[in-house]
């Protein structure tokens, strides 16, 4: 069977574009972060930059051999792509933004703890971090939300015309990341070791992590497991949703939940008990938790990304996403059902946590109340302002 490989398809990203514009207006330096192929360069080019410098382009790299001489004559919006290749630029950027009011620097880089460290040490207080991620449900046609769920939000995986090509691309993407990108970050762990760990971790998507169980299965210590998790999280390949710790006597333990970033229902679908084309497994609800919401949910959740937590009790009640704002508690539940209903778990969470509003994200197309403080919220729906505003 012939394979149709990804073709360049432009997909508008209204939420990310609007959010990024606000960052760039407020800060002289905006670092756009996420792994390769997440669309950082494409999105940056939509802002009609006055100057675009790509450090993977030999000509641009040569021009920045004497960076101060190159940057001083410039003004306006100056995009620097793959800035991790020139860490010596960060002290200069601090000087430039302190002495020039007519320059703004969106800087782009693949996921790297080193990039974040360098940027915080040099232009500290002058830089904002924008985690782009993959496509959101509100970025694609409403009827294609399932494709986004299965293939993930990275452009080449989503825009290809068939599942075989998408699977091959994702498989090679993960392999390349583990074999090339990880060593380039100065992390000396054999690619085969991280690959086996990644495969094991795939089965924990949307589930509570058990470090001891992972350590036993992998034949390493708990500390080694935590180190591998830290590497994958700091490079944005996974997210660890930390538990909400409070004084409620029923609160469950301190173990986080794992979510994979941007790679669809699985990085290696053939090895996961998930959807392969038309059928759904019992993991569907947990896998759906990895989809990035659109519209109002995205705007609300996006502001509190670093504050999001998982709340759960020993009796089984839980809230998938929980945060606090202005002294009030808020939550999001994610369900894979066309007609969701108020559950005892939701009622318990609203009562015990005194939640001001609990949104229930689901793959339907209607907004309706389940209780005075509980409202359904579609992932995406044609013409639905909740998903496109």
Protein backbone atom coordinates (compact mmCIF):
# COMPACT_ATOMS: atom_id res chain seq x y z
CA UNK A 1 0.00 0.00 0.00
CA UNK A 2 1.53 3.37 -0.95
CA UNK A 3 2.22 5.84 1.84
CA UNK A 4 1.25 9.49 1.51
CA UNK A 5 3.78 11.50 3.42
CA UNK A 6 3.00 14.80 5.15
CA UNK A 7 2.40 17.74 2.86
CA UNK A 8 2.58 21.41 3.87
CA UNK A 9 -0.93 22.32 5.03
CA UNK A 10 -1.52 25.64 6.74
CA UNK A 11 -3.75 25.38 9.79
CA UNK A 12 -4.77 28.56 11.52
CA UNK A 13 -4.06 28.69 15.26
CA UNK A 14 -6.15 31.60 16.57
CA UNK A 15 -5.77 30.92 20.28
CA UNK A 16 -1.99 30.46 20.20
CA UNK A 17 -1.51 33.39 17.83
CA UNK A 18 -3.55 35.72 20.06
CA UNK A 19 -1.80 34.55 23.24
CA UNK A 20 1.64 34.88 21.67
CA UNK A 21 0.85 38.42 20.45
CA UNK A 22 0.08 39.46 24.02
CA UNK A 23 3.36 37.98 25.24
CA UNK A 24 5.36 39.79 22.58
CA UNK A 25 3.65 43.09 23.32
CA UNK A 26 4.40 42.84 27.03
CA UNK A 27 7.97 41.49 27.01
CA UNK A 28 11.04 42.47 24.99
CA UNK A 29 12.05 38.80 24.69
CA UNK A 30 9.59 35.95 24.18
CA UNK A 31 10.91 32.39 24.13
CA UNK A 32 8.67 30.04 22.11
CA UNK A 33 9.32 26.55 23.40
CA UNK A 34 8.28 23.02 22.45
CA UNK A 35 9.86 20.08 20.60
CA UNK A 36 10.61 20.06 16.89
CA UNK A 37 7.78 20.07 14.35
CA UNK A 38 5.32 21.79 16.69
CA UNK A 39 5.00 24.77 14.33
CA UNK A 40 7.10 27.35 16.19
CA UNK A 41 8.71 28.74 13.04
CA UNK A 42 5.46 28.76 11.06
CA UNK A 43 3.63 30.63 13.80
CA UNK A 44 6.44 33.14 14.26
CA UNK A 45 6.45 33.94 10.52
CA UNK A 46 2.77 34.93 10.72
CA UNK A 47 3.74 38.05 12.67
CA UNK A 48 5.47 39.66 9.69
CA UNK A 49 8.80 39.97 11.45
CA UNK A 50 11.06 42.79 10.31
CA UNK A 51 14.02 40.41 10.46
CA UNK A 52 14.10 36.61 10.62
CA UNK A 53 17.38 34.92 11.53
CA UNK A 54 17.64 31.14 11.42
CA UNK A 55 20.79 29.80 13.07
CA UNK A 56 20.43 26.53 11.15
CA UNK A 57 20.89 28.60 7.98
CA UNK A 58 24.67 28.92 7.38
CA UNK A 59 24.27 32.42 5.99
CA UNK A 60 22.39 33.72 9.03
CA UNK A 61 24.77 31.91 11.38
CA UNK A 62 27.74 33.53 9.64
CA UNK A 63 26.11 36.96 9.90
CA UNK A 64 25.86 36.51 13.67
CA UNK A 65 29.55 35.68 14.04
CA UNK A 66 29.82 39.28 15.22
CA UNK A 67 26.36 39.45 16.86
CA UNK A 68 26.49 43.00 18.22
CA UNK A 69 27.47 44.44 14.87
CA UNK A 70 24.70 42.42 13.24
CA UNK A 71 21.90 43.29 15.68
CA UNK A 72 22.58 46.94 16.49
CA UNK A 73 21.37 48.32 13.10
CA UNK A 74 18.13 46.33 13.32
CA UNK A 75 14.81 47.47 14.72
CA UNK A 76 11.29 46.13 15.07
CA UNK A 77 10.44 42.46 15.46
CA UNK A 78 13.61 40.35 15.24
CA UNK A 79 12.99 36.60 15.25
CA UNK A 80 15.95 34.35 16.11
CA UNK A 81 15.27 30.69 15.32
CA UNK A 82 17.20 27.81 16.94
CA UNK A 83 18.91 30.19 19.34
CA UNK A 84 20.24 27.23 21.34
CA UNK A 85 23.01 27.06 18.73
CA UNK A 86 24.35 30.43 19.90
CA UNK A 87 24.10 30.64 23.72
CA UNK A 88 26.51 33.59 23.67
CA UNK A 89 23.63 35.72 22.33
CA UNK A 90 21.81 35.81 25.67
CA UNK A 91 24.08 38.33 27.44
CA UNK A 92 23.92 40.51 24.34
CA UNK A 93 20.12 40.35 24.25
CA UNK A 94 20.06 41.59 27.83
CA UNK A 95 22.13 44.59 26.80
CA UNK A 96 20.06 45.24 23.68
CA UNK A 97 16.67 45.20 25.37
CA UNK A 98 17.98 47.38 28.21
CA UNK A 99 19.32 50.04 25.87
CA UNK A 100 16.91 49.83 22.92
CA UNK A 101 13.18 50.45 23.04
CA UNK A 102 12.61 49.71 19.36
CA UNK A 103 13.48 46.01 19.39
CA UNK A 104 11.42 42.91 20.24
CA UNK A 105 12.97 39.45 20.15
CA UNK A 106 10.86 36.32 19.72
CA UNK A 107 13.41 33.54 20.19
CA UNK A 108 12.68 29.99 19.11
CA UNK A 109 14.23 26.77 20.27
CA UNK A 110 13.51 23.08 20.50
CA UNK A 111 12.87 21.84 24.01
CA UNK A 112 15.93 22.30 26.13
CA UNK A 113 16.54 22.83 29.83
CA UNK A 114 19.74 24.56 28.80
CA UNK A 115 17.83 27.11 26.72
CA UNK A 116 15.60 27.99 29.68
CA UNK A 117 18.60 28.18 32.02
CA UNK A 118 20.55 30.45 29.67
CA UNK A 119 17.61 32.77 29.10
CA UNK A 120 16.82 33.14 32.79
CA UNK A 121 20.44 33.84 33.70
CA UNK A 122 20.93 36.59 31.12
CA UNK A 123 17.80 38.65 30.34
CA UNK A 124 16.15 37.76 33.66
CA UNK A 125 12.86 39.59 34.16
CA UNK A 126 12.76 40.56 30.52
CA UNK A 127 11.77 37.23 29.01
CA UNK A 128 8.44 35.40 28.82
CA UNK A 129 8.04 31.70 28.02
CA UNK A 130 5.34 30.55 25.65
CA UNK A 131 4.84 26.78 25.42
CA UNK A 132 3.31 26.28 22.01
CA UNK A 133 2.35 22.62 21.95
CA UNK A 134 0.54 21.00 19.04
CA UNK A 135 -2.76 21.80 17.34
CA UNK A 136 -5.85 22.27 19.49
CA UNK A 137 -9.34 20.96 18.67
CA UNK A 138 -10.39 24.54 17.89
CA UNK A 139 -7.66 24.76 15.22
CA UNK A 140 -9.09 21.98 13.06
CA UNK A 141 -12.49 21.24 11.57
CA UNK A 142 -14.94 20.04 14.20
CA UNK A 143 -15.49 16.64 12.61
CA UNK A 144 -11.73 15.98 12.65
CA UNK A 145 -11.27 16.04 16.42
CA UNK A 146 -10.86 12.23 16.48
CA UNK A 147 -8.01 12.44 13.93
CA UNK A 148 -6.32 15.00 16.16
CA UNK A 149 -6.76 12.71 19.16
CA UNK A 150 -5.29 9.68 17.38
CA UNK A 151 -2.50 11.33 15.39
CA UNK A 152 -1.52 14.09 17.80
CA UNK A 153 -1.07 17.80 17.27
CA UNK A 154 2.32 17.88 15.54
CA UNK A 155 1.78 19.10 12.01
CA UNK A 156 3.39 16.31 9.90
CA UNK A 157 1.59 13.61 11.88
CA UNK A 158 -1.79 15.30 11.65
CA UNK A 159 -1.78 16.62 8.08
CA UNK A 160 -0.74 13.42 6.31
CA UNK A 161 -3.54 11.73 4.40
CA UNK A 162 -3.55 8.28 6.01
CA UNK A 163 -2.96 6.52 9.31
CA UNK A 164 -0.01 4.47 8.07
CA UNK A 165 2.03 7.54 7.17
CA UNK A 166 1.12 9.24 10.45
CA UNK A 167 2.18 6.19 12.44
CA UNK A 168 5.50 5.91 10.59
CA UNK A 169 6.22 9.59 11.12
CA UNK A 170 5.48 9.45 14.85
CA UNK A 171 7.58 6.32 15.28
CA UNK A 172 10.56 7.93 13.53
CA UNK A 173 10.02 11.20 15.39
CA UNK A 174 10.35 9.51 18.77
CA UNK A 175 13.34 7.46 17.62
CA UNK A 176 15.12 10.55 16.28
CA UNK A 177 14.39 12.49 19.43
CA UNK A 178 15.80 9.78 21.68
CA UNK A 179 18.81 9.01 19.48
CA UNK A 180 19.82 12.54 18.41
CA UNK A 181 18.13 15.33 20.36
CA UNK A 182 18.64 13.88 23.85
CA UNK A 183 22.44 13.45 23.40
CA UNK A 184 22.64 17.00 21.97
CA UNK A 185 21.23 18.25 25.26
CA UNK A 186 24.21 16.73 27.05
CA UNK A 187 22.23 13.81 28.51
CA UNK A 188 24.29 10.63 28.37
CA UNK A 189 21.68 7.88 28.55
CA UNK A 190 21.68 5.18 25.85
CA UNK A 191 18.88 5.75 23.35
CA UNK A 192 17.81 2.10 23.60
CA UNK A 193 17.35 2.49 27.37
CA UNK A 194 15.20 5.62 27.04
CA UNK A 195 13.26 3.99 24.20
CA UNK A 196 12.30 1.02 26.39
CA UNK A 197 11.38 3.40 29.21
CA UNK A 198 9.26 5.50 26.82
CA UNK A 199 7.41 2.40 25.62
CA UNK A 200 6.62 1.40 29.20
CA UNK A 201 5.51 4.92 30.02
CA UNK A 202 3.07 4.94 27.10
CA UNK A 203 0.84 2.58 29.07
CA UNK A 204 0.60 5.08 31.91
CA UNK A 205 -0.91 7.83 29.79
CA UNK A 206 -3.71 9.43 31.80
CA UNK A 207 -3.00 7.12 34.74
CA UNK A 208 -1.56 7.60 38.19
CA UNK A 209 2.15 6.87 38.07
CA UNK A 210 3.64 4.21 40.29
CA UNK A 211 7.36 4.88 40.52
CA UNK A 212 8.09 1.66 42.36
CA UNK A 213 6.19 -0.42 39.80
CA UNK A 214 8.07 1.26 36.95
CA UNK A 215 11.38 0.77 38.74
CA UNK A 216 10.68 -2.92 39.37
CA UNK A 217 9.60 -3.57 35.77
CA UNK A 218 12.56 -1.68 34.38
CA UNK A 219 15.09 -3.10 36.83
CA UNK A 220 16.30 0.27 38.16
CA UNK A 221 15.91 2.36 41.30
CA UNK A 222 13.09 4.78 42.04
CA UNK A 223 15.56 7.64 41.72
CA UNK A 224 16.54 6.51 38.22
CA UNK A 225 12.87 6.43 37.21
CA UNK A 226 12.42 9.95 38.54
CA UNK A 227 15.49 11.09 36.62
CA UNK A 228 14.18 9.66 33.34
CA UNK A 229 10.79 11.26 33.97
CA UNK A 230 12.48 14.60 34.64
CA UNK A 231 14.35 14.37 31.32
CA UNK A 232 11.20 13.61 29.32
CA UNK A 233 9.20 16.30 31.10
CA UNK A 234 11.86 19.00 30.75
CA UNK A 235 12.00 18.30 27.00
CA UNK A 236 8.17 18.55 26.77
CA UNK A 237 7.74 14.95 25.62
CA UNK A 238 5.48 14.26 28.61
CA UNK A 239 3.64 16.24 31.24
CA UNK A 240 3.40 15.20 34.87
CA UNK A 241 0.26 16.47 36.50
CA UNK A 242 1.09 16.82 40.19
CA UNK A 243 -1.44 15.97 42.91
CA UNK A 244 -3.22 18.73 44.82
CA UNK A 245 -2.13 18.50 48.44
CA UNK A 246 -4.60 19.84 50.96
CA UNK A 247 -5.76 19.16 54.49
CA UNK A 248 -8.77 17.16 53.40
CA UNK A 249 -8.52 13.88 55.24
CA UNK A 250 -9.48 11.77 52.21
CA UNK A 251 -6.87 13.19 49.84
CA UNK A 252 -4.93 10.44 48.09
CA UNK A 253 -1.14 10.18 47.91
CA UNK A 254 1.51 12.33 46.30
CA UNK A 255 1.86 10.48 42.98
CA UNK A 256 1.48 12.43 39.71
CA UNK A 257 -0.41 11.47 36.57
CA UNK A 258 1.42 11.07 33.26
CA UNK A 259 0.26 12.67 30.00
CA UNK A 260 2.12 12.43 26.69
CA UNK A 261 2.53 15.69 24.78
CA UNK A 262 1.50 16.14 21.16
CA UNK A 263 1.96 12.56 19.91
CA UNK A 264 -1.61 11.41 19.66
CA UNK A 265 -3.14 8.34 21.25
CA UNK A 266 0.25 6.62 21.37
CA UNK A 267 3.78 7.11 20.15
CA UNK A 268 3.82 3.44 19.18
CA UNK A 269 0.18 2.47 18.46
CA UNK A 270 1.03 -1.13 17.60
CA UNK A 271 2.30 -1.65 21.13
CA UNK A 272 -0.57 0.09 22.90
CA UNK A 273 -4.08 -1.27 23.56
CA UNK A 274 -5.66 1.76 21.88
CA UNK A 275 -7.52 2.78 18.78
CA UNK A 276 -6.04 1.49 15.52
CA UNK A 277 -8.69 2.77 13.12
CA UNK A 278 -12.32 2.48 14.08
CA UNK A 279 -12.58 0.72 17.44
CA UNK A 280 -12.12 2.16 20.90
CA UNK A 281 -10.55 0.46 23.88
CA UNK A 282 -11.36 0.96 27.55
CA UNK A 283 -8.44 3.40 27.67
CA UNK A 284 -10.31 5.90 25.49
CA UNK A 285 -11.25 8.24 28.33
CA UNK A 286 -7.73 8.37 29.73
CA UNK A 287 -6.21 8.90 26.29
CA UNK A 288 -8.60 11.77 25.60
CA UNK A 289 -7.10 13.59 28.59
CA UNK A 290 -4.00 14.22 26.47
CA UNK A 291 -5.90 16.37 23.96
CA UNK A 292 -5.36 20.10 24.37
CA UNK A 293 -8.72 21.85 24.80
CA UNK A 294 -9.75 24.78 22.65
CA UNK A 295 -11.50 28.09 23.17
CA UNK A 296 -12.61 29.18 26.63
CA UNK A 297 -11.22 26.04 28.25
CA UNK A 298 -7.85 26.63 26.61
CA UNK A 299 -7.81 30.28 27.63
CA UNK A 300 -8.74 29.48 31.22
CA UNK A 301 -6.48 26.46 31.60
CA UNK A 302 -3.60 28.03 29.67
CA UNK A 303 -3.27 30.88 32.16
CA UNK A 304 -2.76 28.38 34.97
CA UNK A 305 -0.66 25.73 33.25
CA UNK A 306 1.97 25.67 35.99
CA UNK A 307 -0.67 25.60 38.73
CA UNK A 308 -2.76 22.72 37.38
CA UNK A 309 -3.06 19.73 39.67
CA UNK A 310 -4.85 16.41 40.02
CA UNK A 311 -7.20 15.96 42.97
CA UNK A 312 -8.18 12.46 44.03
CA UNK A 313 -9.38 10.67 47.15
CA UNK A 314 -9.01 7.13 48.40
CA UNK A 315 -12.76 6.67 47.92
CA UNK A 316 -12.39 7.20 44.16
CA UNK A 317 -13.56 10.80 43.72
CA UNK A 318 -11.28 12.94 41.57
CA UNK A 319 -10.92 16.07 39.45
CA UNK A 320 -8.71 15.74 36.35
CA UNK A 321 -7.55 19.37 36.39
CA UNK A 322 -7.76 21.56 39.49
CA UNK A 323 -6.44 25.07 40.18
CA UNK A 324 -7.05 28.19 42.25
CA UNK A 325 -7.59 31.75 41.04
CA UNK A 326 -8.55 34.89 43.00
CA UNK A 327 -9.18 32.85 46.13
CA UNK A 328 -11.63 30.47 44.44
CA UNK A 329 -11.34 26.86 43.32
CA UNK A 330 -11.93 25.66 39.75
CA UNK A 331 -11.89 22.28 38.06
CA UNK A 332 -12.15 20.40 34.79
CA UNK A 333 -13.28 16.82 34.24
CA UNK A 334 -12.64 15.09 30.90
CA UNK A 335 -15.09 12.43 29.73
CA UNK A 336 -15.35 10.27 26.63
CA UNK A 337 -19.11 10.17 26.25
CA UNK A 338 -21.63 11.89 23.99
CA UNK A 339 -24.09 12.60 26.81
CA UNK A 340 -22.32 13.16 30.08
CA UNK A 341 -24.14 13.25 33.43
CA UNK A 342 -23.35 14.43 36.92
CA UNK A 343 -21.50 11.67 38.74
CA UNK A 344 -21.08 11.11 42.49
CA UNK A 345 -17.37 11.88 41.97
CA UNK A 346 -18.17 15.31 40.49
CA UNK A 347 -20.67 16.09 43.24
CA UNK A 348 -18.17 15.05 45.90
CA UNK A 349 -15.42 17.21 44.37
CA UNK A 350 -17.66 20.28 44.14
CA UNK A 351 -18.71 19.87 47.77
CA UNK A 352 -15.37 18.91 49.33
CA UNK A 353 -13.26 21.44 47.41
CA UNK A 354 -15.93 24.16 47.32
CA UNK A 355 -15.43 24.46 43.55
CA UNK A 356 -16.85 27.65 42.06
CA UNK A 357 -17.17 26.08 38.61
CA UNK A 358 -16.50 22.57 37.31
CA UNK A 359 -16.35 22.26 33.52
CA UNK A 360 -16.88 18.82 32.01
CA UNK A 361 -15.03 18.62 28.69
CA UNK A 362 -16.53 16.05 26.35
CA UNK A 363 -16.62 15.26 22.59
CA UNK A 364 -20.19 16.46 22.12
CA UNK A 365 -21.50 19.70 20.64
CA UNK A 366 -23.81 21.20 23.29
CA UNK A 367 -23.29 23.33 26.40
CA UNK A 368 -25.70 22.48 29.21
CA UNK A 369 -25.72 22.56 33.05
CA UNK A 370 -25.37 19.39 35.06
CA UNK A 371 -25.69 21.15 38.42
CA UNK A 372 -25.55 24.76 39.69
CA UNK A 373 -21.73 24.73 39.60
CA UNK A 374 -21.18 22.10 36.88
CA UNK A 375 -21.39 22.77 33.13
CA UNK A 376 -20.51 20.68 30.08
CA UNK A 377 -18.07 22.15 27.58
CA UNK A 378 -17.56 20.64 24.09
CA UNK A 379 -14.04 20.02 22.85
CA UNK A 380 -15.03 21.54 19.52
CA UNK A 381 -18.18 22.37 17.62
CA UNK A 382 -18.91 24.25 14.34
CA UNK A 383 -19.68 27.88 15.06
CA UNK A 384 -19.45 27.36 18.80
CA UNK A 385 -17.97 30.52 20.30
CA UNK A 386 -16.71 28.55 23.31
CA UNK A 387 -14.22 26.84 21.03
CA UNK A 388 -13.23 29.61 18.67
CA UNK A 389 -13.23 32.86 20.64
